[in-house]
PDB file of N, CA and C in Angstrom:
ATOM      1  N   MET A   1    -171.733  -8.557  -4.919  1.00  0.00           N
ATOM      2  CA  MET A   1    -171.643  -9.585  -5.915  1.00  0.00           C
ATOM      3  C   MET A   1    -172.081 -10.895  -5.265  1.00  0.00           C
ATOM      4  N   VAL A   2    -172.931 -11.641  -5.971  1.00  0.00           N
ATOM      5  CA  VAL A   2    -173.381 -12.932  -5.474  1.00  0.00           C
ATOM      6  C   VAL A   2    -172.978 -14.002  -6.487  1.00  0.00           C
ATOM      7  N   LEU A   3    -172.257 -15.017  -5.989  1.00  0.00           N
ATOM      8  CA  LEU A   3    -171.745 -16.083  -6.839  1.00  0.00           C
ATOM      9  C   LEU A   3    -172.308 -17.430  -6.420  1.00  0.00           C
ATOM     10  N   ASP A   4    -172.617 -18.265  -7.400  1.00  0.00           N
ATOM     11  CA  ASP A   4    -172.994 -19.657  -7.163  1.00  0.00           C
ATOM     12  C   ASP A   4    -171.741 -20.475  -7.459  1.00  0.00           C
ATOM     13  N   VAL A   5    -171.242 -21.186  -6.439  1.00  0.00           N
ATOM     14  CA  VAL A   5    -169.938 -21.852  -6.534  1.00  0.00           C
ATOM     15  C   VAL A   5    -170.069 -23.328  -6.171  1.00  0.00           C
ATOM     16  N   LEU A   6    -169.379 -24.172  -6.916  1.00  0.00           N
ATOM     17  CA  LEU A   6    -169.274 -25.602  -6.609  1.00  0.00           C
ATOM     18  C   LEU A   6    -167.858 -25.853  -6.131  1.00  0.00           C
ATOM     19  N   LYS A   7    -167.736 -26.453  -4.919  1.00  0.00           N
ATOM     20  CA  LYS A   7    -166.406 -26.666  -4.341  1.00  0.00           C
ATOM     21  C   LYS A   7    -166.293 -28.067  -3.771  1.00  0.00           C
ATOM     22  N   PRO A   8    -165.055 -28.566  -3.643  1.00  0.00           N
ATOM     23  CA  PRO A   8    -164.851 -29.829  -2.933  1.00  0.00           C
ATOM     24  C   PRO A   8    -165.112 -29.602  -1.432  1.00  0.00           C
ATOM     25  N   HIS A   9    -165.201 -30.685  -0.657  1.00  0.00           N
ATOM     26  CA  HIS A   9    -165.475 -30.554   0.775  1.00  0.00           C
ATOM     27  C   HIS A   9    -164.373 -29.797   1.520  1.00  0.00           C
ATOM     28  N   HIS A  10    -163.161 -29.849   1.006  1.00  0.00           N
ATOM     29  CA  HIS A  10    -162.047 -29.122   1.619  1.00  0.00           C
ATOM     30  C   HIS A  10    -161.437 -28.204   0.582  1.00  0.00           C
ATOM     31  N   PRO A  11    -161.204 -26.960   0.895  1.00  0.00           N
ATOM     32  CA  PRO A  11    -161.293 -26.322   2.197  1.00  0.00           C
ATOM     33  C   PRO A  11    -162.747 -26.093   2.603  1.00  0.00           C
ATOM     34  N   THR A  12    -162.941 -25.784   3.876  1.00  0.00           N
ATOM     35  CA  THR A  12    -164.273 -25.498   4.390  1.00  0.00           C
ATOM     36  C   THR A  12    -164.728 -24.123   3.913  1.00  0.00           C
ATOM     37  N   ILE A  13    -166.010 -23.827   4.112  1.00  0.00           N
ATOM     38  CA  ILE A  13    -166.494 -22.499   3.732  1.00  0.00           C
ATOM     39  C   ILE A  13    -165.876 -21.417   4.619  1.00  0.00           C
ATOM     40  N   VAL A  14    -165.477 -21.788   5.827  1.00  0.00           N
ATOM     41  CA  VAL A  14    -164.798 -20.830   6.711  1.00  0.00           C
ATOM     42  C   VAL A  14    -163.452 -20.440   6.102  1.00  0.00           C
ATOM     43  N   GLU A  15    -162.691 -21.449   5.666  1.00  0.00           N
ATOM     44  CA  GLU A  15    -161.380 -21.177   5.062  1.00  0.00           C
ATOM     45  C   GLU A  15    -161.521 -20.391   3.764  1.00  0.00           C
ATOM     46  N   LEU A  16    -162.519 -20.733   2.951  1.00  0.00           N
ATOM     47  CA  LEU A  16    -162.730 -20.017   1.695  1.00  0.00           C
ATOM     48  C   LEU A  16    -163.129 -18.561   1.960  1.00  0.00           C
ATOM     49  N   ALA A  17    -164.003 -18.347   2.932  1.00  0.00           N
ATOM     50  CA  ALA A  17    -164.407 -16.978   3.275  1.00  0.00           C
ATOM     51  C   ALA A  17    -163.209 -16.155   3.736  1.00  0.00           C
ATOM     52  N   ARG A  18    -162.361 -16.759   4.562  1.00  0.00           N
ATOM     53  CA  ARG A  18    -161.150 -16.042   5.019  1.00  0.00           C
ATOM     54  C   ARG A  18    -160.253 -15.676   3.844  1.00  0.00           C
ATOM     55  N   LYS A  19    -160.069 -16.617   2.918  1.00  0.00           N
ATOM     56  CA  LYS A  19    -159.207 -16.377   1.754  1.00  0.00           C
ATOM     57  C   LYS A  19    -159.735 -15.206   0.922  1.00  0.00           C
ATOM     58  N   LEU A  20    -161.042 -15.155   0.739  1.00  0.00           N
ATOM     59  CA  LEU A  20    -161.632 -14.088  -0.051  1.00  0.00           C
ATOM     60  C   LEU A  20    -161.647 -12.757   0.697  1.00  0.00           C
ATOM     61  N   SER A  21    -161.809 -12.808   2.012  1.00  0.00           N
ATOM     62  CA  SER A  21    -161.946 -11.578   2.799  1.00  0.00           C
ATOM     63  C   SER A  21    -160.673 -10.743   2.844  1.00  0.00           C
ATOM     64  N   VAL A  22    -159.517 -11.339   2.576  1.00  0.00           N
ATOM     65  CA  VAL A  22    -158.266 -10.580   2.622  1.00  0.00           C
ATOM     66  C   VAL A  22    -157.870 -10.005   1.260  1.00  0.00           C
ATOM     67  N   LEU A  23    -158.678 -10.266   0.230  1.00  0.00           N
ATOM     68  CA  LEU A  23    -158.371  -9.693  -1.081  1.00  0.00           C
ATOM     69  C   LEU A  23    -158.568  -8.182  -1.044  1.00  0.00           C
ATOM     70  N   GLU A  24    -157.725  -7.477  -1.779  1.00  0.00           N
ATOM     71  CA  GLU A  24    -157.818  -6.019  -1.829  1.00  0.00           C
ATOM     72  C   GLU A  24    -159.179  -5.598  -2.381  1.00  0.00           C
ATOM     73  N   GLY A  25    -159.807  -4.630  -1.733  1.00  0.00           N
ATOM     74  CA  GLY A  25    -161.094  -4.119  -2.176  1.00  0.00           C
ATOM     75  C   GLY A  25    -162.291  -4.817  -1.559  1.00  0.00           C
ATOM     76  N   VAL A  26    -162.069  -5.955  -0.877  1.00  0.00           N
ATOM     77  CA  VAL A  26    -163.163  -6.707  -0.264  1.00  0.00           C
ATOM     78  C   VAL A  26    -163.360  -6.231   1.168  1.00  0.00           C
ATOM     79  N   SER A  27    -164.592  -5.843   1.503  1.00  0.00           N
ATOM     80  CA  SER A  27    -164.869  -5.419   2.880  1.00  0.00           C
ATOM     81  C   SER A  27    -165.641  -6.471   3.667  1.00  0.00           C
ATOM     82  N   GLY A  28    -166.266  -7.435   2.970  1.00  0.00           N
ATOM     83  CA  GLY A  28    -166.984  -8.484   3.684  1.00  0.00           C
ATOM     84  C   GLY A  28    -167.346  -9.638   2.772  1.00  0.00           C
ATOM     85  N   VAL A  29    -167.443 -10.841   3.374  1.00  0.00           N
ATOM     86  CA  VAL A  29    -167.766 -12.065   2.636  1.00  0.00           C
ATOM     87  C   VAL A  29    -168.754 -12.886   3.445  1.00  0.00           C
ATOM     88  N   ASN A  30    -169.742 -13.448   2.772  1.00  0.00           N
ATOM     89  CA  ASN A  30    -170.670 -14.380   3.385  1.00  0.00           C
ATOM     90  C   ASN A  30    -170.722 -15.614   2.505  1.00  0.00           C
ATOM     91  N   CYS A  31    -170.447 -16.786   3.086  1.00  0.00           N
ATOM     92  CA  CYS A  31    -170.549 -18.060   2.367  1.00  0.00           C
ATOM     93  C   CYS A  31    -171.664 -18.873   3.004  1.00  0.00           C
ATOM     94  N   THR A  32    -172.621 -19.296   2.194  1.00  0.00           N
ATOM     95  CA  THR A  32    -173.751 -20.080   2.673  1.00  0.00           C
ATOM     96  C   THR A  32    -173.790 -21.415   1.958  1.00  0.00           C
ATOM     97  N   LEU A  33    -173.831 -22.494   2.740  1.00  0.00           N
ATOM     98  CA  LEU A  33    -173.920 -23.841   2.183  1.00  0.00           C
ATOM     99  C   LEU A  33    -175.334 -24.067   1.679  1.00  0.00           C
ATOM    100  N   GLU A  34    -175.460 -24.412   0.406  1.00  0.00           N
ATOM    101  CA  GLU A  34    -176.771 -24.616  -0.206  1.00  0.00           C
ATOM    102  C   GLU A  34    -177.098 -26.103  -0.358  1.00  0.00           C
ATOM    103  N   GLU A  35    -176.092 -26.913  -0.731  1.00  0.00           N
ATOM    104  CA  GLU A  35    -176.332 -28.332  -1.001  1.00  0.00           C
ATOM    105  C   GLU A  35    -175.035 -29.109  -0.859  1.00  0.00           C
ATOM    106  N   VAL A  36    -175.140 -30.363  -0.382  1.00  0.00           N
ATOM    107  CA  VAL A  36    -173.971 -31.223  -0.203  1.00  0.00           C
ATOM    108  C   VAL A  36    -174.235 -32.548  -0.894  1.00  0.00           C
ATOM    109  N   ASP A  37    -173.233 -33.046  -1.630  1.00  0.00           N
ATOM    110  CA  ASP A  37    -173.311 -34.419  -2.114  1.00  0.00           C
ATOM    111  C   ASP A  37    -172.035 -35.147  -1.712  1.00  0.00           C
ATOM    112  N   GLN A  38    -171.790 -36.316  -2.254  1.00  0.00           N
ATOM    113  CA  GLN A  38    -170.664 -37.130  -1.790  1.00  0.00           C
ATOM    114  C   GLN A  38    -169.314 -36.468  -1.957  1.00  0.00           C
ATOM    115  N   GLU A  39    -169.123 -35.723  -3.046  1.00  0.00           N
ATOM    116  CA  GLU A  39    -167.804 -35.170  -3.329  1.00  0.00           C
ATOM    117  C   GLU A  39    -167.737 -33.642  -3.338  1.00  0.00           C
ATOM    118  N   THR A  40    -168.887 -32.973  -3.433  1.00  0.00           N
ATOM    119  CA  THR A  40    -168.865 -31.520  -3.585  1.00  0.00           C
ATOM    120  C   THR A  40    -169.914 -30.827  -2.718  1.00  0.00           C
ATOM    121  N   GLU A  41    -169.785 -29.513  -2.649  1.00  0.00           N
ATOM    122  CA  GLU A  41    -170.739 -28.660  -1.956  1.00  0.00           C
ATOM    123  C   GLU A  41    -171.099 -27.490  -2.874  1.00  0.00           C
ATOM    124  N   SER A  42    -172.363 -27.160  -2.943  1.00  0.00           N
ATOM    125  CA  SER A  42    -172.804 -25.962  -3.655  1.00  0.00           C
ATOM    126  C   SER A  42    -172.958 -24.864  -2.613  1.00  0.00           C
ATOM    127  N   ILE A  43    -172.320 -23.727  -2.880  1.00  0.00           N
ATOM    128  CA  ILE A  43    -172.382 -22.624  -1.928  1.00  0.00           C
ATOM    129  C   ILE A  43    -172.731 -21.327  -2.644  1.00  0.00           C
ATOM    130  N   LYS A  44    -173.336 -20.424  -1.886  1.00  0.00           N
ATOM    131  CA  LYS A  44    -173.600 -19.076  -2.373  1.00  0.00           C
ATOM    132  C   LYS A  44    -172.614 -18.166  -1.656  1.00  0.00           C
ATOM    133  N   ILE A  45    -171.867 -17.389  -2.426  1.00  0.00           N
ATOM    134  CA  ILE A  45    -170.897 -16.463  -1.853  1.00  0.00           C
ATOM    135  C   ILE A  45    -171.344 -15.042  -2.172  1.00  0.00           C
ATOM    136  N   THR A  46    -171.523 -14.244  -1.116  1.00  0.00           N
ATOM    137  CA  THR A  46    -171.844 -12.834  -1.269  1.00  0.00           C
ATOM    138  C   THR A  46    -170.618 -12.036  -0.844  1.00  0.00           C
ATOM    139  N   ILE A  47    -170.149 -11.179  -1.736  1.00  0.00           N
ATOM    140  CA  ILE A  47    -168.941 -10.394  -1.479  1.00  0.00           C
ATOM    141  C   ILE A  47    -169.289  -8.921  -1.632  1.00  0.00           C
ATOM    142  N   GLU A  48    -168.881  -8.128  -0.643  1.00  0.00           N
ATOM    143  CA  GLU A  48    -169.082  -6.682  -0.714  1.00  0.00           C
ATOM    144  C   GLU A  48    -167.741  -5.971  -0.613  1.00  0.00           C
ATOM    145  N   GLY A  49    -167.661  -4.842  -1.274  1.00  0.00           N
ATOM    146  CA  GLY A  49    -166.449  -4.036  -1.212  1.00  0.00           C
ATOM    147  C   GLY A  49    -166.539  -2.863  -2.156  1.00  0.00           C
ATOM    148  N   SER A  50    -165.628  -1.936  -1.969  1.00  0.00           N
ATOM    149  CA  SER A  50    -165.665  -0.706  -2.757  1.00  0.00           C
ATOM    150  C   SER A  50    -165.011  -0.851  -4.127  1.00  0.00           C
ATOM    151  N   ALA A  51    -164.157  -1.850  -4.286  1.00  0.00           N
ATOM    152  CA  ALA A  51    -163.454  -2.019  -5.566  1.00  0.00           C
ATOM    153  C   ALA A  51    -163.146  -3.499  -5.777  1.00  0.00           C
ATOM    154  N   LEU A  52    -164.178  -4.277  -6.071  1.00  0.00           N
ATOM    155  CA  LEU A  52    -163.980  -5.717  -6.243  1.00  0.00           C
ATOM    156  C   LEU A  52    -163.289  -6.014  -7.563  1.00  0.00           C
ATOM    157  N   ASP A  53    -162.303  -6.891  -7.509  1.00  0.00           N
ATOM    158  CA  ASP A  53    -161.568  -7.331  -8.690  1.00  0.00           C
ATOM    159  C   ASP A  53    -162.030  -8.750  -9.004  1.00  0.00           C
ATOM    160  N   PHE A  54    -162.928  -8.879 -10.002  1.00  0.00           N
ATOM    161  CA  PHE A  54    -163.498 -10.190 -10.305  1.00  0.00           C
ATOM    162  C   PHE A  54    -162.421 -11.218 -10.650  1.00  0.00           C
ATOM    163  N   ASP A  55    -161.397 -10.815 -11.397  1.00  0.00           N
ATOM    164  CA  ASP A  55    -160.343 -11.760 -11.776  1.00  0.00           C
ATOM    165  C   ASP A  55    -159.614 -12.296 -10.546  1.00  0.00           C
ATOM    166  N   ALA A  56    -159.333 -11.436  -9.572  1.00  0.00           N
ATOM    167  CA  ALA A  56    -158.667 -11.866  -8.338  1.00  0.00           C
ATOM    168  C   ALA A  56    -159.580 -12.792  -7.530  1.00  0.00           C
ATOM    169  N   ILE A  57    -160.864 -12.474  -7.491  1.00  0.00           N
ATOM    170  CA  ILE A  57    -161.830 -13.318  -6.779  1.00  0.00           C
ATOM    171  C   ILE A  57    -161.923 -14.684  -7.443  1.00  0.00           C
ATOM    172  N   GLU A  58    -162.065 -14.691  -8.756  1.00  0.00           N
ATOM    173  CA  GLU A  58    -162.154 -15.944  -9.506  1.00  0.00           C
ATOM    174  C   GLU A  58    -160.893 -16.786  -9.315  1.00  0.00           C
ATOM    175  N   SER A  59    -159.732 -16.143  -9.327  1.00  0.00           N
ATOM    176  CA  SER A  59    -158.467 -16.851  -9.135  1.00  0.00           C
ATOM    177  C   SER A  59    -158.382 -17.465  -7.734  1.00  0.00           C
ATOM    178  N   ALA A  60    -158.768 -16.703  -6.716  1.00  0.00           N
ATOM    179  CA  ALA A  60    -158.724 -17.203  -5.337  1.00  0.00           C
ATOM    180  C   ALA A  60    -159.664 -18.391  -5.168  1.00  0.00           C
ATOM    181  N   ILE A  61    -160.823 -18.340  -5.791  1.00  0.00           N
ATOM    182  CA  ILE A  61    -161.771 -19.449  -5.721  1.00  0.00           C
ATOM    183  C   ILE A  61    -161.199 -20.669  -6.438  1.00  0.00           C
ATOM    184  N   SER A  62    -160.633 -20.462  -7.615  1.00  0.00           N
ATOM    185  CA  SER A  62    -160.057 -21.565  -8.395  1.00  0.00           C
ATOM    186  C   SER A  62    -158.902 -22.244  -7.672  1.00  0.00           C
ATOM    187  N   GLU A  63    -158.111 -21.460  -6.939  1.00  0.00           N
ATOM    188  CA  GLU A  63    -156.973 -22.017  -6.192  1.00  0.00           C
ATOM    189  C   GLU A  63    -157.405 -23.044  -5.149  1.00  0.00           C
ATOM    190  N   THR A  64    -158.661 -22.981  -4.719  1.00  0.00           N
ATOM    191  CA  THR A  64    -159.162 -23.928  -3.724  1.00  0.00           C
ATOM    192  C   THR A  64    -159.769 -25.175  -4.367  1.00  0.00           C
ATOM    193  N   GLY A  65    -159.781 -25.231  -5.704  1.00  0.00           N
ATOM    194  CA  GLY A  65    -160.388 -26.350  -6.414  1.00  0.00           C
ATOM    195  C   GLY A  65    -161.857 -26.138  -6.711  1.00  0.00           C
ATOM    196  N   ALA A  66    -162.361 -24.952  -6.426  1.00  0.00           N
ATOM    197  CA  ALA A  66    -163.767 -24.633  -6.656  1.00  0.00           C
ATOM    198  C   ALA A  66    -163.939 -23.958  -8.019  1.00  0.00           C
ATOM    199  N   VAL A  67    -165.181 -23.940  -8.497  1.00  0.00           N
ATOM    200  CA  VAL A  67    -165.494 -23.278  -9.766  1.00  0.00           C
ATOM    201  C   VAL A  67    -166.745 -22.423  -9.597  1.00  0.00           C
ATOM    202  N   ILE A  68    -166.754 -21.298 -10.270  1.00  0.00           N
ATOM    203  CA  ILE A  68    -167.924 -20.426 -10.273  1.00  0.00           C
ATOM    204  C   ILE A  68    -168.903 -20.966 -11.311  1.00  0.00           C
ATOM    205  N   HIS A  69    -170.095 -21.345 -10.860  1.00  0.00           N
ATOM    206  CA  HIS A  69    -171.144 -21.784 -11.783  1.00  0.00           C
ATOM    207  C   HIS A  69    -171.807 -20.597 -12.455  1.00  0.00           C
ATOM    208  N   SER A  70    -172.074 -19.551 -11.651  1.00  0.00           N
ATOM    209  CA  SER A  70    -172.724 -18.375 -12.215  1.00  0.00           C
ATOM    210  C   SER A  70    -172.507 -17.163 -11.323  1.00  0.00           C
ATOM    211  N   VAL A  71    -172.592 -16.003 -11.947  1.00  0.00           N
ATOM    212  CA  VAL A  71    -172.619 -14.733 -11.223  1.00  0.00           C
ATOM    213  C   VAL A  71    -174.101 -14.377 -11.148  1.00  0.00           C
ATOM    214  N   ASP A  72    -174.675 -14.465  -9.948  1.00  0.00           N
ATOM    215  CA  ASP A  72    -176.121 -14.323  -9.793  1.00  0.00           C
ATOM    216  C   ASP A  72    -176.585 -12.895  -9.558  1.00  0.00           C
ATOM    217  N   SER A  73    -175.695 -12.036  -9.096  1.00  0.00           N
ATOM    218  CA  SER A  73    -176.084 -10.652  -8.855  1.00  0.00           C
ATOM    219  C   SER A  73    -174.825  -9.789  -8.777  1.00  0.00           C
ATOM    220  N   VAL A  74    -174.935  -8.586  -9.344  1.00  0.00           N
ATOM    221  CA  VAL A  74    -173.831  -7.633  -9.292  1.00  0.00           C
ATOM    222  C   VAL A  74    -174.415  -6.235  -9.126  1.00  0.00           C
ATOM    223  N   SER A  75    -173.808  -5.440  -8.277  1.00  0.00           N
ATOM    224  CA  SER A  75    -174.165  -4.030  -8.137  1.00  0.00           C
ATOM    225  C   SER A  75    -172.899  -3.219  -8.373  1.00  0.00           C
ATOM    226  N   ALA A  76    -173.045  -2.094  -9.058  1.00  0.00           N
ATOM    227  CA  ALA A  76    -171.876  -1.261  -9.335  1.00  0.00           C
ATOM    228  C   ALA A  76    -172.305   0.195  -9.401  1.00  0.00           C
ATOM    229  N   GLY A  77    -171.348   1.073  -9.225  1.00  0.00           N
ATOM    230  CA  GLY A  77    -171.610   2.501  -9.341  1.00  0.00           C
ATOM    231  C   GLY A  77    -171.453   3.227  -8.025  1.00  0.00           C
ATOM    232  N   LYS A  78    -171.744   4.504  -8.043  1.00  0.00           N
ATOM    233  CA  LYS A  78    -171.601   5.335  -6.859  1.00  0.00           C
ATOM    234  C   LYS A  78    -172.754   5.143  -5.887  1.00  0.00           C
ATOM    235  N   LYS A  79    -173.889   4.663  -6.392  1.00  0.00           N
ATOM    236  CA  LYS A  79    -175.085   4.481  -5.574  1.00  0.00           C
ATOM    237  C   LYS A  79    -175.570   3.046  -5.733  1.00  0.00           C
ATOM    238  N   MET A  80    -175.962   2.435  -4.624  1.00  0.00           N
ATOM    239  CA  MET A  80    -176.499   1.079  -4.684  1.00  0.00           C
ATOM    240  C   MET A  80    -177.914   1.142  -5.234  1.00  0.00           C
ATOM    241  N   VAL A  81    -178.199   0.330  -6.231  1.00  0.00           N
ATOM    242  CA  VAL A  81    -179.524   0.267  -6.834  1.00  0.00           C
ATOM    243  C   VAL A  81    -180.172  -1.025  -6.374  1.00  0.00           C
ATOM    244  N   GLU A  82    -181.285  -0.897  -5.658  1.00  0.00           N
ATOM    245  CA  GLU A  82    -181.991  -2.063  -5.149  1.00  0.00           C
ATOM    246  C   GLU A  82    -182.837  -2.684  -6.253  1.00  0.00           C
ATOM    247  N   GLU A  83    -182.903  -4.002  -6.270  1.00  0.00           N
ATOM    248  CA  GLU A  83    -183.751  -4.717  -7.210  1.00  0.00           C
ATOM    249  C   GLU A  83    -185.204  -4.521  -6.794  1.00  0.00           C
ATOM    250  N   VAL A  84    -186.077  -4.267  -7.756  1.00  0.00           N
ATOM    251  CA  VAL A  84    -187.493  -4.112  -7.470  1.00  0.00           C
ATOM    252  C   VAL A  84    -188.288  -5.141  -8.256  1.00  0.00           C
ATOM    253  N   GLU A  85    -189.440  -5.506  -7.752  1.00  0.00           N
ATOM    254  CA  GLU A  85    -190.287  -6.471  -8.443  1.00  0.00           C
ATOM    255  C   GLU A  85    -190.964  -5.798  -9.618  1.00  0.00           C
ATOM    256  N   THR A  86    -190.961  -6.502 -10.743  1.00  0.00           N
ATOM    257  CA  THR A  86    -191.605  -6.004 -11.953  1.00  0.00           C
ATOM    258  C   THR A  86    -192.683  -7.003 -12.370  1.00  0.00           C
ATOM    259  N   PRO A  87    -193.554  -6.650 -13.307  1.00  0.00           N
ATOM    260  CA  PRO A  87    -194.584  -7.604 -13.746  1.00  0.00           C
ATOM    261  C   PRO A  87    -194.000  -8.931 -14.253  1.00  0.00           C
ATOM    262  N   GLN A  88    -192.802  -8.913 -14.810  1.00  0.00           N
ATOM    263  CA  GLN A  88    -192.177 -10.133 -15.297  1.00  0.00           C
ATOM    264  C   GLN A  88    -191.807 -11.083 -14.155  1.00  0.00           C
ATOM    265  N   ASP A  89    -191.647 -10.570 -12.948  1.00  0.00           N
ATOM    266  CA  ASP A  89    -191.266 -11.388 -11.782  1.00  0.00           C
ATOM    267  C   ASP A  89    -192.454 -12.144 -11.201  1.00  0.00           C
ATOM    268  N   ARG A  90    -193.649 -11.781 -11.593  1.00  0.00           N
ATOM    269  CA  ARG A  90    -194.850 -12.388 -10.998  1.00  0.00           C
ATOM    270  C   ARG A  90    -195.221 -13.665 -11.674  1.00  0.00           C
TER     271      ARG A  90
END
C-alpha cells in the first residue's frame, strides 16, 4: 500500500514509521520525505504486510496529527500483481 500523507514536522518520519511498523499485519514500512514547507511535510508511506488493516493504519496516522491525502497504490490477493505499462500510460 502506498499513501500520500501530509503531516506536521513532529513527530518525525522515523517516529511515524516506528508507530506504523508495530501494527498487527505490518511487516515493513518505508517513509520518504517528498516536500517540506513552514508548517508541514508531504511524505510517501509504503507499507507491506500479509494482512493490512487500513482503518488501524489510518487511525495511527491520524493520532500523529497527519492526514492521508490519497491512497496511491494497493495490492491484494494471494499473488502480487505487478503494474505494467499500457498505451494509456504513454
